[in-house]
Protein backbone atom coordinates (compact mmCIF):
# COMPACT_ATOMS: atom_id res chain seq x y z
CA MET A 1 -30.74 11.75 -29.49
CA ALA A 2 -27.88 12.04 -27.02
CA PHE A 3 -26.56 8.92 -25.35
CA ARG A 4 -25.45 9.11 -21.73
CA LEU A 5 -23.26 6.42 -20.27
CA LYS A 6 -24.35 5.52 -16.74
CA LEU A 7 -22.24 3.15 -14.72
CA VAL A 8 -24.28 3.92 -11.60
CA PRO A 9 -28.03 4.72 -11.47
CA ASP A 10 -29.05 8.27 -10.58
CA GLU A 11 -30.47 7.13 -7.25
CA THR A 12 -28.96 4.32 -5.21
CA ARG A 13 -29.80 3.15 -1.69
CA ILE A 14 -26.79 1.05 -0.78
CA ASP A 15 -26.21 0.56 2.93
CA PHE A 16 -22.43 0.96 3.13
CA PHE A 17 -22.50 0.24 6.85
CA ARG A 18 -24.08 -3.19 6.44
CA TRP A 19 -20.67 -4.89 6.45
CA GLN A 20 -18.99 -2.24 8.57
CA ALA A 21 -17.21 -4.66 10.90
CA LEU A 22 -15.99 -6.82 8.00
CA THR A 23 -14.69 -3.98 5.80
CA PHE A 24 -12.97 -2.14 8.62
CA GLY A 25 -11.59 -5.43 9.94
CA ILE A 26 -10.10 -6.27 6.54
CA SER A 27 -8.54 -2.81 6.33
CA SER A 28 -7.02 -3.18 9.79
CA VAL A 29 -5.62 -6.63 9.00
CA LEU A 30 -4.13 -5.43 5.70
CA ALA A 31 -2.52 -2.45 7.43
CA VAL A 32 -0.96 -4.72 10.08
CA LEU A 33 0.23 -7.19 7.44
CA SER A 34 1.77 -4.30 5.48
CA VAL A 35 3.79 -3.26 8.53
CA VAL A 36 4.92 -6.88 9.01
CA ALA A 37 5.89 -7.13 5.32
CA LEU A 38 7.92 -3.92 5.54
CA PHE A 39 9.90 -5.32 8.48
CA MET A 40 10.24 -8.86 7.08
CA PHE A 41 10.98 -8.19 3.41
CA GLY A 42 11.88 -4.51 3.33
CA LEU A 43 11.54 -2.31 0.28
CA ASN A 44 13.41 -3.01 -2.94
CA PHE A 45 15.13 0.37 -3.10
CA GLY A 46 16.20 1.65 -6.48
CA ILE A 47 19.38 3.50 -7.37
CA ASP A 48 18.05 6.75 -5.86
CA PHE A 49 18.00 5.18 -2.40
CA LYS A 50 20.80 2.62 -2.63
CA GLY A 51 23.47 4.71 -4.32
CA GLY A 52 25.09 4.06 -7.66
CA THR A 53 26.50 5.67 -10.79
CA THR A 54 24.87 7.58 -13.64
CA ILE A 55 26.63 7.49 -17.02
CA ARG A 56 25.54 10.08 -19.57
CA THR A 57 25.88 9.00 -23.18
CA GLU A 58 25.75 10.94 -26.44
CA SER A 59 25.51 9.62 -29.96
CA VAL A 60 24.68 10.70 -33.49
CA GLN A 61 22.47 7.63 -33.81
CA GLN A 62 19.02 7.20 -32.29
CA VAL A 63 19.02 5.75 -28.78
CA ASP A 64 17.68 2.19 -28.68
CA VAL A 65 16.99 1.42 -25.01
CA GLY A 66 16.33 -2.25 -25.80
CA GLU A 67 19.74 -2.69 -27.49
CA TYR A 68 21.50 -0.88 -24.67
CA ARG A 69 19.84 -3.12 -22.09
CA ALA A 70 20.65 -6.27 -24.04
CA ALA A 71 24.31 -5.23 -24.33
CA LEU A 72 24.60 -4.73 -20.57
CA GLN A 73 22.72 -7.91 -19.63
CA PRO A 74 25.79 -10.22 -19.69
CA LEU A 75 27.63 -7.95 -17.22
CA ASN A 76 25.22 -8.88 -14.39
CA LEU A 77 25.15 -5.36 -12.99
CA GLY A 78 21.97 -5.79 -10.97
CA ASP A 79 19.62 -2.82 -10.98
CA VAL A 80 20.14 -0.87 -14.23
CA ALA A 81 17.88 1.93 -15.46
CA ILE A 82 18.25 3.32 -18.99
CA THR A 83 16.33 6.42 -20.05
CA GLN A 84 16.50 8.63 -23.12
CA VAL A 85 16.91 12.36 -22.45
CA TYR A 86 14.95 14.89 -24.49
CA ASP A 87 15.82 18.58 -24.65
CA PRO A 88 14.70 21.17 -27.25
CA THR A 89 18.20 22.67 -27.20
CA PHE A 90 19.79 19.47 -28.53
CA ARG A 91 21.04 19.33 -32.11
CA GLU A 92 19.24 17.08 -34.55
CA ASP A 93 22.12 14.61 -34.47
CA GLN A 94 22.55 14.79 -30.67
CA HIS A 95 20.90 11.81 -28.95
CA VAL A 96 21.41 11.56 -25.21
CA ALA A 97 20.67 8.80 -22.71
CA GLN A 98 21.36 8.10 -19.05
CA VAL A 99 22.49 4.69 -17.80
CA ARG A 100 22.03 4.35 -14.04
CA ILE A 101 23.76 1.46 -12.29
CA SER A 102 23.16 0.61 -8.65
CA ALA A 103 26.10 0.16 -6.30
CA GLN A 104 27.14 -3.46 -5.95
CA GLU A 105 26.78 -5.29 -2.66
CA GLY A 106 29.51 -4.31 -0.17
CA THR A 107 30.88 -1.41 -2.25
CA GLU A 108 30.53 2.34 -1.82
CA SER A 109 30.05 2.98 -5.54
CA VAL A 110 30.46 1.40 -8.95
CA THR A 111 34.14 0.61 -9.59
CA PRO A 112 36.10 2.18 -12.50
CA GLU A 113 36.50 -1.31 -13.99
CA THR A 114 32.71 -1.75 -14.10
CA ILE A 115 32.26 1.65 -15.71
CA ALA A 116 34.87 0.77 -18.34
CA ALA A 117 33.09 -2.54 -19.04
CA VAL A 118 29.78 -0.70 -19.49
CA GLU A 119 31.32 1.78 -21.90
CA THR A 120 32.94 -1.01 -23.93
CA ALA A 121 29.64 -2.92 -24.16
CA LEU A 122 27.74 0.16 -25.35
CA GLN A 123 30.43 1.02 -27.91
CA GLN A 124 29.88 -2.39 -29.48
CA VAL A 125 26.25 -1.44 -30.05
CA ASP A 126 27.03 2.11 -31.22
CA PRO A 127 30.65 2.91 -32.18
CA SER A 128 29.89 6.65 -32.28
CA ILE A 129 28.77 6.77 -28.66
CA THR A 130 30.62 9.02 -26.19
CA PHE A 131 30.42 9.41 -22.42
CA PRO A 132 30.58 13.12 -21.50
CA SER A 133 29.92 12.63 -17.77
CA VAL A 134 29.94 9.99 -15.05
CA GLU A 135 28.36 10.82 -11.67
CA SER A 136 28.18 8.66 -8.55
CA VAL A 137 25.76 8.81 -5.62
CA GLY A 138 27.13 7.42 -2.36
CA PRO A 139 25.24 5.74 0.49
CA LYS A 140 25.24 8.95 2.56
CA VAL A 141 23.40 10.93 -0.12
CA SER A 142 21.01 8.04 -0.67
CA GLY A 143 20.24 7.95 3.06
CA GLU A 144 19.46 11.66 2.96
CA LEU A 145 17.10 11.09 0.03
CA ILE A 146 15.21 8.43 2.00
CA GLN A 147 14.91 10.77 4.97
CA THR A 148 13.72 13.62 2.76
CA ALA A 149 11.17 11.36 1.06
CA VAL A 150 9.73 10.28 4.42
CA TYR A 151 9.51 13.93 5.52
CA ALA A 152 7.72 14.82 2.26
CA VAL A 153 5.02 12.18 2.77
CA LEU A 154 4.57 13.04 6.46
CA ALA A 155 4.42 16.77 5.73
CA SER A 156 1.72 16.20 3.11
CA LEU A 157 -0.35 14.15 5.58
CA VAL A 158 -0.04 16.81 8.30
CA ALA A 159 -0.90 19.67 5.90
CA ILE A 160 -3.93 17.83 4.55
CA SER A 161 -5.24 16.94 8.02
CA PHE A 162 -4.85 20.61 9.07
CA TYR A 163 -6.76 21.74 5.98
CA ILE A 164 -9.61 19.27 6.68
CA TRP A 165 -9.73 20.40 10.31
CA LEU A 166 -10.08 24.05 9.24
CA ARG A 167 -12.67 23.36 6.56
CA PHE A 168 -14.79 20.85 8.49
CA GLU A 169 -14.26 19.64 12.07
CA TRP A 170 -11.53 17.73 13.86
CA GLN A 171 -13.52 14.48 13.56
CA PHE A 172 -13.41 14.79 9.78
CA SER A 173 -9.69 15.50 9.95
CA MET A 174 -9.11 12.30 11.93
CA GLY A 175 -11.14 10.30 9.42
CA ALA A 176 -9.15 11.75 6.53
CA ILE A 177 -5.75 11.14 8.11
CA VAL A 178 -6.60 7.53 9.05
CA SER A 179 -7.78 6.96 5.48
CA LEU A 180 -4.58 8.42 3.97
CA VAL A 181 -2.26 6.47 6.28
CA HIS A 182 -4.26 3.35 5.39
CA ASP A 183 -3.74 3.99 1.65
CA VAL A 184 -0.01 4.75 1.85
CA LEU A 185 0.75 1.91 4.26
CA ILE A 186 -1.03 -0.79 2.24
CA THR A 187 0.53 0.45 -1.02
CA MET A 188 4.00 0.24 0.52
CA GLY A 189 3.14 -3.22 1.87
CA VAL A 190 2.33 -4.41 -1.65
CA PHE A 191 5.67 -3.03 -2.87
CA ALA A 192 7.44 -4.92 -0.06
CA VAL A 193 5.65 -8.24 -0.70
CA PHE A 194 6.23 -8.24 -4.47
CA GLN A 195 9.63 -6.51 -4.23
CA ILE A 196 8.69 -3.88 -6.78
CA LYS A 197 11.42 -1.28 -7.24
CA PHE A 198 10.94 1.63 -4.86
CA ASP A 199 12.58 4.90 -5.93
CA LEU A 200 11.91 8.63 -6.11
CA THR A 201 9.24 8.15 -8.78
CA THR A 202 7.38 5.90 -6.35
CA ILE A 203 7.49 8.66 -3.75
CA ALA A 204 5.95 10.95 -6.36
CA ALA A 205 3.28 8.29 -6.92
CA LEU A 206 2.55 8.08 -3.18
CA LEU A 207 2.10 11.86 -3.01
CA THR A 208 -0.21 11.64 -6.02
CA ILE A 209 -2.21 8.92 -4.25
CA VAL A 210 -2.53 11.13 -1.17
CA GLY A 211 -3.84 14.01 -3.28
CA TYR A 212 -6.27 11.83 -5.24
CA SER A 213 -7.60 10.05 -2.16
CA ILE A 214 -8.17 13.23 -0.16
CA ASN A 215 -9.98 14.78 -3.12
CA ASP A 216 -12.44 11.89 -3.14
CA THR A 217 -12.81 12.03 0.64
CA VAL A 218 -13.45 15.79 0.61
CA VAL A 219 -16.23 15.35 -1.96
CA VAL A 220 -18.01 12.90 0.37
CA PHE A 221 -17.38 15.08 3.43
CA ASP A 222 -18.64 18.18 1.64
CA ARG A 223 -21.89 16.46 0.68
CA LEU A 224 -22.19 15.15 4.25
CA ARG A 225 -21.82 18.69 5.62
CA GLU A 226 -24.58 19.90 3.31
CA ASN A 227 -26.84 17.08 4.42
CA LEU A 228 -26.06 17.75 8.09
CA MET A 229 -27.45 21.27 7.64
CA LYS A 230 -30.37 20.10 5.50
CA TYR A 231 -31.53 17.19 7.67
CA LYS A 232 -30.91 18.33 11.22
CA LYS A 233 -32.72 15.41 12.89
CA ARG A 234 -31.68 12.49 10.73
CA PRO A 235 -29.17 10.05 12.29
CA LEU A 236 -25.54 10.53 11.33
CA ARG A 237 -25.28 6.99 9.98
CA ASP A 238 -28.20 7.58 7.59
CA LEU A 239 -26.74 10.87 6.42
CA MET A 240 -23.39 9.24 5.70
CA ASN A 241 -25.05 6.53 3.63
CA LEU A 242 -27.08 9.17 1.81
CA SER A 243 -24.00 11.30 1.11
CA VAL A 244 -21.96 8.40 -0.28
CA ASN A 245 -24.88 7.28 -2.45
CA GLU A 246 -25.34 10.80 -3.82
CA THR A 247 -21.64 11.04 -4.78
CA LEU A 248 -21.25 7.41 -5.89
CA SER A 249 -21.78 8.11 -9.60
CA ARG A 250 -19.10 10.81 -9.55
CA THR A 251 -16.70 8.54 -7.64
CA VAL A 252 -17.12 5.60 -10.02
CA MET A 253 -16.84 7.71 -13.17
CA THR A 254 -13.78 9.63 -11.95
CA SER A 255 -11.93 6.54 -10.73
CA GLY A 256 -12.99 4.46 -13.73
CA THR A 257 -11.84 6.91 -16.40
CA THR A 258 -8.55 7.46 -14.58
CA LEU A 259 -7.95 3.72 -14.32
CA VAL A 260 -8.53 3.24 -18.05
CA ALA A 261 -5.62 5.57 -18.84
CA LEU A 262 -3.43 4.09 -16.10
CA ILE A 263 -4.01 0.50 -17.17
CA ALA A 264 -3.01 1.45 -20.73
CA LEU A 265 0.22 2.94 -19.36
CA LEU A 266 0.77 -0.08 -17.15
CA VAL A 267 0.53 -2.46 -20.11
CA LEU A 268 2.22 -0.36 -22.80
CA GLY A 269 4.42 2.06 -20.86
CA GLY A 270 7.45 -0.19 -20.44
CA ASP A 271 9.75 -0.92 -17.52
CA VAL A 272 10.87 2.66 -16.90
CA ILE A 273 7.49 3.90 -15.60
CA ARG A 274 5.86 0.59 -14.61
CA GLY A 275 6.54 0.96 -10.88
CA PHE A 276 5.25 4.54 -10.87
CA VAL A 277 2.07 3.67 -12.79
CA PHE A 278 1.42 0.55 -10.70
CA ALA A 279 1.66 2.58 -7.48
CA ILE A 280 -0.87 5.14 -8.73
CA THR A 281 -3.20 2.44 -10.13
CA PHE A 282 -3.26 0.46 -6.91
CA GLY A 283 -3.45 3.67 -4.88
CA ILE A 284 -6.53 4.91 -6.72
CA ILE A 285 -8.31 1.60 -6.11
CA ILE A 286 -7.44 1.48 -2.41
CA GLY A 287 -8.04 5.24 -2.08
CA THR A 288 -11.56 4.98 -3.49
CA TYR A 289 -12.27 2.09 -1.13
CA SER A 290 -10.95 3.98 1.91
CA SER A 291 -12.97 7.10 1.08
CA ILE A 292 -16.14 5.03 1.23
CA TYR A 293 -15.38 2.46 3.91
CA VAL A 294 -12.64 3.88 6.16
CA ALA A 295 -12.87 7.68 6.48
CA LYS A 296 -16.59 7.85 7.20
CA ASN A 297 -16.42 4.96 9.68
CA VAL A 298 -13.92 6.92 11.77
CA VAL A 299 -16.14 10.03 11.67
CA LEU A 300 -19.16 7.95 12.70
CA TRP A 301 -17.33 6.46 15.66
CA LEU A 302 -16.04 9.87 16.79
CA GLY A 303 -19.43 11.48 16.18
CA VAL A 304 -20.34 15.11 15.64
CA LYS A 305 -22.15 17.48 17.97
CA ARG A 306 -25.81 16.84 17.24
CA ASP A 307 -28.96 16.26 19.33
CA TRP A 308 -30.83 13.10 18.31
CA SER A 309 -33.28 12.90 21.19
CA LYS A 310 -36.01 15.36 20.16
CA LYS A 311 -37.34 13.65 17.08
CA ASP A 312 -37.82 10.17 15.72
CA PRO A 313 -35.40 9.79 12.77
CA LYS A 314 -38.08 7.91 10.79
CA GLN A 315 -40.06 11.15 10.47
CA ASP A 316 -37.34 12.54 8.22
CA GLY A 317 -38.05 9.89 5.59
CA SER A 318 -34.57 8.40 5.60
CA PRO A 319 -34.14 5.55 3.07
CA PHE A 320 -31.95 3.84 5.67
CA SER A 321 -34.20 4.39 8.72
CA GLY A 322 -34.59 1.35 10.89
CA ALA A 323 -31.08 0.00 10.25
CA GLU A 324 -29.21 -1.15 13.30
CA ALA A 325 -26.84 1.31 14.86
CA PRO A 326 -23.22 0.27 14.89
């Protein structure tokens, strides 16, 4: 006998518009507070956006990131990122790591004295270690990276809204774009409030959030389009509730299974990927919420071209008939 796990019943009749004013009000307040937090606290930019120096190390011994970090701790270098580099072309006794040090306050780049101190500290941990290359990123390059990152996020939002407009209608496109801006803005607000490191991996996470959120929104919109053709006289509000209820099991299972893997990475993944994983985890939660409570509210307010005057909506047997219109 097969066992099927059901987090959501096959048929649900949840009125997602019951607390419409409250949910959309909370979303609006959080978006405004996120903008305020970005201006008040700013983002805690990582080395990619602040500038700094990358030191490449090689050793015949295995790289121990914990020992490297402990050796550099007394130097008070600020933001330091240590990652081990893997490459199938490396020899068996060739172990490579990258030590990335952010530029100190008021300086263009890490000074030669600081680089020498870092090399000395690492040689005490591993006498066989060598430093084949040292590369610095100045403020100008970092500024260009920030600009490029902003363009990447904006371009993805524009491309997605254009795709939704072609596939559905412009009202759906507006609902999708408001939902995506809501997700990205609130995620960045959380990073500003808690001063979580914001670097290029976080930009990758934001783009992942955009893709995940729009996928969930398109599923709801696609079911809504089917129901619009199937129930030509039923009120738009009822059809939206019906569509979300019909896709709710898929939404919960998809988000839930993804979150299980992400939470494991968040707890066990370590400092190197924690910011990236946290951004995706929070983004999936807020993205699922916005697909249900933000995108469809915008479409409802904008409306679609339909004639509601010829037939009483109760004759269509809607499970939500009789609910107050917004």
